[in-house]
PDB file of all heavy atoms in Angstrom:
ATOM      1  N   THR A   1     130.948 281.599  52.942  1.00  0.00           N
ATOM      2  CA  THR A   1     129.694 282.085  53.496  1.00  0.00           C
ATOM      3  C   THR A   1     129.532 281.637  54.941  1.00  0.00           C
ATOM      4  O   THR A   1     130.090 280.611  55.342  1.00  0.00           O
ATOM      5  CB  THR A   1     128.494 281.604  52.651  1.00  0.00           C
ATOM      6  OG1 THR A   1     127.295 282.179  53.180  1.00  0.00           O
ATOM      7  CG2 THR A   1     128.392 280.085  52.616  1.00  0.00           C
ATOM      8  N   ASP A   2     128.784 282.416  55.697  1.00  0.00           N
ATOM      9  CA  ASP A   2     128.474 282.003  57.067  1.00  0.00           C
ATOM     10  C   ASP A   2     127.157 281.242  57.130  1.00  0.00           C
ATOM     11  O   ASP A   2     126.725 280.811  58.189  1.00  0.00           O
ATOM     12  CB  ASP A   2     128.453 283.207  58.017  1.00  0.00           C
ATOM     13  CG  ASP A   2     127.320 284.185  57.750  1.00  0.00           C
ATOM     14  OD1 ASP A   2     126.551 283.988  56.781  1.00  0.00           O
ATOM     15  OD2 ASP A   2     127.215 285.169  58.503  1.00  0.00           O
ATOM     16  N   GLY A   3     126.487 281.074  55.999  1.00  0.00           N
ATOM     17  CA  GLY A   3     125.224 280.348  55.944  1.00  0.00           C
ATOM     18  C   GLY A   3     124.022 281.181  56.352  1.00  0.00           C
ATOM     19  O   GLY A   3     122.891 280.722  56.282  1.00  0.00           O
ATOM     20  N   ALA A   4     124.262 282.417  56.779  1.00  0.00           N
ATOM     21  CA  ALA A   4     123.175 283.300  57.211  1.00  0.00           C
ATOM     22  C   ALA A   4     123.032 284.492  56.271  1.00  0.00           C
ATOM     23  O   ALA A   4     122.426 285.490  56.631  1.00  0.00           O
ATOM     24  CB  ALA A   4     123.433 283.772  58.637  1.00  0.00           C
ATOM     25  N   GLY A   5     123.619 284.383  55.069  1.00  0.00           N
ATOM     26  CA  GLY A   5     123.509 285.456  54.094  1.00  0.00           C
ATOM     27  C   GLY A   5     124.696 286.391  54.031  1.00  0.00           C
ATOM     28  O   GLY A   5     124.716 287.312  53.221  1.00  0.00           O
ATOM     29  N   ASP A   6     125.692 286.187  54.877  1.00  0.00           N
ATOM     30  CA  ASP A   6     126.910 287.011  54.850  1.00  0.00           C
ATOM     31  C   ASP A   6     127.972 286.233  54.086  1.00  0.00           C
ATOM     32  O   ASP A   6     128.235 285.068  54.391  1.00  0.00           O
ATOM     33  CB  ASP A   6     127.379 287.314  56.270  1.00  0.00           C
ATOM     34  CG  ASP A   6     126.309 288.038  57.068  1.00  0.00           C
ATOM     35  OD1 ASP A   6     125.889 289.127  56.631  1.00  0.00           O
ATOM     36  OD2 ASP A   6     125.880 287.496  58.101  1.00  0.00           O
ATOM     37  N   ASN A   7     128.574 286.901  53.091  1.00  0.00           N
ATOM     38  CA  ASN A   7     129.475 286.201  52.175  1.00  0.00           C
ATOM     39  C   ASN A   7     130.777 286.954  51.961  1.00  0.00           C
ATOM     40  O   ASN A   7     130.823 288.179  52.036  1.00  0.00           O
ATOM     41  CB  ASN A   7     128.801 286.030  50.810  1.00  0.00           C
ATOM     42  CG  ASN A   7     127.521 285.248  50.906  1.00  0.00           C
ATOM     43  OD1 ASN A   7     127.455 284.215  51.542  1.00  0.00           O
ATOM     44  ND2 ASN A   7     126.473 285.755  50.269  1.00  0.00           N
ATOM     45  N   ILE A   8     131.814 286.187  51.653  1.00  0.00           N
ATOM     46  CA  ILE A   8     133.086 286.735  51.179  1.00  0.00           C
ATOM     47  C   ILE A   8     133.164 286.347  49.713  1.00  0.00           C
ATOM     48  O   ILE A   8     133.198 285.155  49.382  1.00  0.00           O
ATOM     49  CB  ILE A   8     134.280 286.163  51.967  1.00  0.00           C
ATOM     50  CG1 ILE A   8     134.158 286.523  53.450  1.00  0.00           C
ATOM     51  CG2 ILE A   8     135.596 286.660  51.370  1.00  0.00           C
ATOM     52  CD1 ILE A   8     135.180 285.838  54.346  1.00  0.00           C
ATOM     53  N   PRO A   9     133.165 287.329  48.806  1.00  0.00           N
ATOM     54  CA  PRO A   9     133.198 287.009  47.371  1.00  0.00           C
ATOM     55  C   PRO A   9     134.581 286.542  46.914  1.00  0.00           C
ATOM     56  O   PRO A   9     135.590 286.793  47.577  1.00  0.00           O
ATOM     57  CB  PRO A   9     132.809 288.326  46.701  1.00  0.00           C
ATOM     58  CG  PRO A   9     133.136 289.381  47.690  1.00  0.00           C
ATOM     59  CD  PRO A   9     133.029 288.761  49.059  1.00  0.00           C
ATOM     60  N   SER A  10     134.613 285.902  45.746  1.00  0.00           N
ATOM     61  CA  SER A  10     135.887 285.409  45.208  1.00  0.00           C
ATOM     62  C   SER A  10     136.841 286.552  44.892  1.00  0.00           C
ATOM     63  O   SER A  10     138.050 286.359  44.886  1.00  0.00           O
ATOM     64  CB  SER A  10     135.646 284.559  43.961  1.00  0.00           C
ATOM     65  OG  SER A  10     135.104 285.334  42.914  1.00  0.00           O
ATOM     66  N   ALA A  11     136.320 287.755  44.673  1.00  0.00           N
ATOM     67  CA  ALA A  11     137.169 288.921  44.402  1.00  0.00           C
ATOM     68  C   ALA A  11     138.007 289.303  45.621  1.00  0.00           C
ATOM     69  O   ALA A  11     139.019 289.988  45.485  1.00  0.00           O
ATOM     70  CB  ALA A  11     136.309 290.109  43.974  1.00  0.00           C
ATOM     71  N   ASP A  12     137.609 288.847  46.807  1.00  0.00           N
ATOM     72  CA  ASP A  12     138.355 289.151  48.033  1.00  0.00           C
ATOM     73  C   ASP A  12     139.175 287.960  48.534  1.00  0.00           C
ATOM     74  O   ASP A  12     139.815 288.032  49.574  1.00  0.00           O
ATOM     75  CB  ASP A  12     137.397 289.633  49.118  1.00  0.00           C
ATOM     76  CG  ASP A  12     136.717 290.923  48.707  1.00  0.00           C
ATOM     77  OD1 ASP A  12     137.382 291.767  48.083  1.00  0.00           O
ATOM     78  OD2 ASP A  12     135.516 291.076  48.992  1.00  0.00           O
ATOM     79  N   PHE A  13     139.151 286.879  47.776  1.00  0.00           N
ATOM     80  CA  PHE A  13     139.990 285.716  48.067  1.00  0.00           C
ATOM     81  C   PHE A  13     141.174 285.788  47.114  1.00  0.00           C
ATOM     82  O   PHE A  13     141.004 285.913  45.906  1.00  0.00           O
ATOM     83  CB  PHE A  13     139.232 284.407  47.857  1.00  0.00           C
ATOM     84  CG  PHE A  13     140.028 283.202  48.248  1.00  0.00           C
ATOM     85  CD1 PHE A  13     139.981 282.709  49.536  1.00  0.00           C
ATOM     86  CD2 PHE A  13     140.848 282.567  47.325  1.00  0.00           C
ATOM     87  CE1 PHE A  13     140.737 281.601  49.906  1.00  0.00           C
ATOM     88  CE2 PHE A  13     141.606 281.462  47.679  1.00  0.00           C
ATOM     89  CZ  PHE A  13     141.548 280.973  48.973  1.00  0.00           C
ATOM     90  N   GLN A  14     142.383 285.708  47.664  1.00  0.00           N
ATOM     91  CA  GLN A  14     143.589 285.876  46.857  1.00  0.00           C
ATOM     92  C   GLN A  14     144.472 284.641  46.930  1.00  0.00           C
ATOM     93  O   GLN A  14     144.559 283.982  47.967  1.00  0.00           O
ATOM     94  CB  GLN A  14     144.378 287.092  47.338  1.00  0.00           C
ATOM     95  CG  GLN A  14     143.581 288.372  47.289  1.00  0.00           C
ATOM     96  CD  GLN A  14     144.292 289.513  47.984  1.00  0.00           C
ATOM     97  OE1 GLN A  14     145.047 289.323  48.926  1.00  0.00           O
ATOM     98  NE2 GLN A  14     144.044 290.730  47.498  1.00  0.00           N
ATOM     99  N   LEU A  15     145.147 284.380  45.818  1.00  0.00           N
ATOM    100  CA  LEU A  15     146.032 283.230  45.706  1.00  0.00           C
ATOM    101  C   LEU A  15     147.365 283.697  45.126  1.00  0.00           C
ATOM    102  O   LEU A  15     147.391 284.469  44.174  1.00  0.00           O
ATOM    103  CB  LEU A  15     145.385 282.194  44.785  1.00  0.00           C
ATOM    104  CG  LEU A  15     146.028 280.832  44.653  1.00  0.00           C
ATOM    105  CD1 LEU A  15     144.951 279.799  44.329  1.00  0.00           C
ATOM    106  CD2 LEU A  15     147.093 280.794  43.603  1.00  0.00           C
ATOM    107  N   SER A  16     148.457 283.244  45.735  1.00  0.00           N
ATOM    108  CA  SER A  16     149.798 283.475  45.208  1.00  0.00           C
ATOM    109  C   SER A  16     150.313 282.130  44.709  1.00  0.00           C
ATOM    110  O   SER A  16     150.377 281.166  45.472  1.00  0.00           O
ATOM    111  CB  SER A  16     150.723 284.023  46.296  1.00  0.00           C
ATOM    112  OG  SER A  16     152.074 283.969  45.875  1.00  0.00           O
ATOM    113  N   ASP A  17     150.691 282.070  43.433  1.00  0.00           N
ATOM    114  CA  ASP A  17     151.166 280.827  42.839  1.00  0.00           C
ATOM    115  C   ASP A  17     152.671 280.893  42.627  1.00  0.00           C
ATOM    116  O   ASP A  17     153.175 281.798  41.954  1.00  0.00           O
ATOM    117  CB  ASP A  17     150.451 280.589  41.503  1.00  0.00           C
ATOM    118  CG  ASP A  17     150.777 279.239  40.905  1.00  0.00           C
ATOM    119  OD1 ASP A  17     151.041 278.292  41.661  1.00  0.00           O
ATOM    120  OD2 ASP A  17     150.757 279.119  39.665  1.00  0.00           O
ATOM    121  N   ASN A  18     153.386 279.960  43.226  1.00  0.00           N
ATOM    122  CA  ASN A  18     154.848 279.848  43.086  1.00  0.00           C
ATOM    123  C   ASN A  18     155.568 281.152  43.419  1.00  0.00           C
ATOM    124  O   ASN A  18     156.501 281.562  42.737  1.00  0.00           O
ATOM    125  CB  ASN A  18     155.221 279.357  41.686  1.00  0.00           C
ATOM    126  CG  ASN A  18     154.815 277.918  41.469  1.00  0.00           C
ATOM    127  OD1 ASN A  18     154.809 277.113  42.390  1.00  0.00           O
ATOM    128  ND2 ASN A  18     154.459 277.580  40.248  1.00  0.00           N
ATOM    129  N   GLY A  19     155.130 281.819  44.486  1.00  0.00           N
ATOM    130  CA  GLY A  19     155.800 283.023  44.953  1.00  0.00           C
ATOM    131  C   GLY A  19     155.410 284.294  44.227  1.00  0.00           C
ATOM    132  O   GLY A  19     155.959 285.358  44.510  1.00  0.00           O
ATOM    133  N   GLY A  20     154.450 284.215  43.315  1.00  0.00           N
ATOM    134  CA  GLY A  20     154.002 285.403  42.590  1.00  0.00           C
ATOM    135  C   GLY A  20     153.115 286.281  43.461  1.00  0.00           C
ATOM    136  O   GLY A  20     152.829 285.976  44.619  1.00  0.00           O
ATOM    137  N   ALA A  21     152.677 287.368  42.892  1.00  0.00           N
ATOM    138  CA  ALA A  21     151.812 288.308  43.599  1.00  0.00           C
ATOM    139  C   ALA A  21     150.465 287.654  43.908  1.00  0.00           C
ATOM    140  O   ALA A  21     150.003 286.768  43.175  1.00  0.00           O
ATOM    141  CB  ALA A  21     151.597 289.559  42.753  1.00  0.00           C
ATOM    142  N   PHE A  22     149.849 288.089  44.993  1.00  0.00           N
ATOM    143  CA  PHE A  22     148.505 287.621  45.307  1.00  0.00           C
ATOM    144  C   PHE A  22     147.542 288.152  44.254  1.00  0.00           C
ATOM    145  O   PHE A  22     147.580 289.331  43.890  1.00  0.00           O
ATOM    146  CB  PHE A  22     148.067 288.075  46.699  1.00  0.00           C
ATOM    147  CG  PHE A  22     148.591 287.187  47.789  1.00  0.00           C
ATOM    148  CD1 PHE A  22     149.645 287.596  48.580  1.00  0.00           C
ATOM    149  CD2 PHE A  22     148.032 285.943  48.011  1.00  0.00           C
ATOM    150  CE1 PHE A  22     150.135 286.785  49.589  1.00  0.00           C
ATOM    151  CE2 PHE A  22     148.515 285.111  49.013  1.00  0.00           C
ATOM    152  CZ  PHE A  22     149.572 285.539  49.797  1.00  0.00           C
ATOM    153  N   THR A  23     146.687 287.264  43.747  1.00  0.00           N
ATOM    154  CA  THR A  23     145.731 287.602  42.701  1.00  0.00           C
ATOM    155  C   THR A  23     144.353 287.123  43.117  1.00  0.00           C
ATOM    156  O   THR A  23     144.193 285.981  43.572  1.00  0.00           O
ATOM    157  CB  THR A  23     146.123 286.927  41.364  1.00  0.00           C
ATOM    158  OG1 THR A  23     147.469 287.307  41.043  1.00  0.00           O
ATOM    159  CG2 THR A  23     145.206 287.319  40.243  1.00  0.00           C
ATOM    160  N   ALA A  24     143.364 287.975  42.954  1.00  0.00           N
ATOM    161  CA  ALA A  24     141.983 287.608  43.284  1.00  0.00           C
ATOM    162  C   ALA A  24     141.436 286.644  42.244  1.00  0.00           C
ATOM    163  O   ALA A  24     141.831 286.666  41.073  1.00  0.00           O
ATOM    164  CB  ALA A  24     141.120 288.858  43.358  1.00  0.00           C
ATOM    165  N   LEU A  25     140.506 285.799  42.658  1.00  0.00           N
ATOM    166  CA  LEU A  25     139.875 284.842  41.751  1.00  0.00           C
ATOM    167  C   LEU A  25     138.663 285.508  41.104  1.00  0.00           C
ATOM    168  O   LEU A  25     137.535 285.386  41.590  1.00  0.00           O
ATOM    169  CB  LEU A  25     139.490 283.559  42.495  1.00  0.00           C
ATOM    170  CG  LEU A  25     140.647 282.568  42.674  1.00  0.00           C
ATOM    171  CD1 LEU A  25     141.676 283.054  43.652  1.00  0.00           C
ATOM    172  CD2 LEU A  25     140.142 281.213  43.058  1.00  0.00           C
ATOM    173  N   THR A  26     138.898 286.231  40.015  1.00  0.00           N
ATOM    174  CA  THR A  26     137.861 287.020  39.364  1.00  0.00           C
ATOM    175  C   THR A  26     137.686 286.683  37.891  1.00  0.00           C
ATOM    176  O   THR A  26     136.956 287.379  37.192  1.00  0.00           O
ATOM    177  CB  THR A  26     138.171 288.524  39.485  1.00  0.00           C
ATOM    178  OG1 THR A  26     139.454 288.772  38.906  1.00  0.00           O
ATOM    179  CG2 THR A  26     138.163 288.976  40.933  1.00  0.00           C
ATOM    180  N   ASN A  27     138.333 285.643  37.422  1.00  0.00           N
ATOM    181  CA  ASN A  27     138.251 285.292  36.001  1.00  0.00           C
ATOM    182  C   ASN A  27     137.249 284.170  35.781  1.00  0.00           C
ATOM    183  O   ASN A  27     137.033 283.326  36.650  1.00  0.00           O
ATOM    184  CB  ASN A  27     139.619 284.838  35.480  1.00  0.00           C
ATOM    185  CG  ASN A  27     140.650 285.936  35.587  1.00  0.00           C
ATOM    186  OD1 ASN A  27     140.379 287.080  35.257  1.00  0.00           O
ATOM    187  ND2 ASN A  27     141.823 285.587  36.068  1.00  0.00           N
ATOM    188  N   THR A  28     136.661 284.155  34.607  1.00  0.00           N
ATOM    189  CA  THR A  28     135.841 283.027  34.194  1.00  0.00           C
ATOM    190  C   THR A  28     136.778 282.018  33.556  1.00  0.00           C
ATOM    191  O   THR A  28     137.490 282.340  32.615  1.00  0.00           O
ATOM    192  CB  THR A  28     134.753 283.467  33.204  1.00  0.00           C
ATOM    193  OG1 THR A  28     133.913 284.425  33.865  1.00  0.00           O
ATOM    194  CG2 THR A  28     133.911 282.293  32.746  1.00  0.00           C
ATOM    195  N   VAL A  29     136.819 280.816  34.120  1.00  0.00           N
ATOM    196  CA  VAL A  29     137.736 279.774  33.653  1.00  0.00           C
ATOM    197  C   VAL A  29     136.928 278.586  33.136  1.00  0.00           C
ATOM    198  O   VAL A  29     135.700 278.616  33.129  1.00  0.00           O
ATOM    199  CB  VAL A  29     138.721 279.360  34.772  1.00  0.00           C
ATOM    200  CG1 VAL A  29     139.611 280.536  35.167  1.00  0.00           C
ATOM    201  CG2 VAL A  29     138.003 278.810  35.986  1.00  0.00           C
ATOM    202  N   ALA A  30     137.614 277.546  32.706  1.00  0.00           N
ATOM    203  CA  ALA A  30     136.969 276.385  32.092  1.00  0.00           C
ATOM    204  C   ALA A  30     135.968 275.709  33.024  1.00  0.00           C
ATOM    205  O   ALA A  30     135.058 275.030  32.561  1.00  0.00           O
ATOM    206  CB  ALA A  30     138.028 275.378  31.654  1.00  0.00           C
TER     207      ALA A  30
END
């Protein structure tokens, strides 16, 4: 967030684990 109400959601943040495909953080986890 920029603190002024503009946000980047977790669906647009991507992670590649151990060389795998980039995956958005969209799951409900523990």
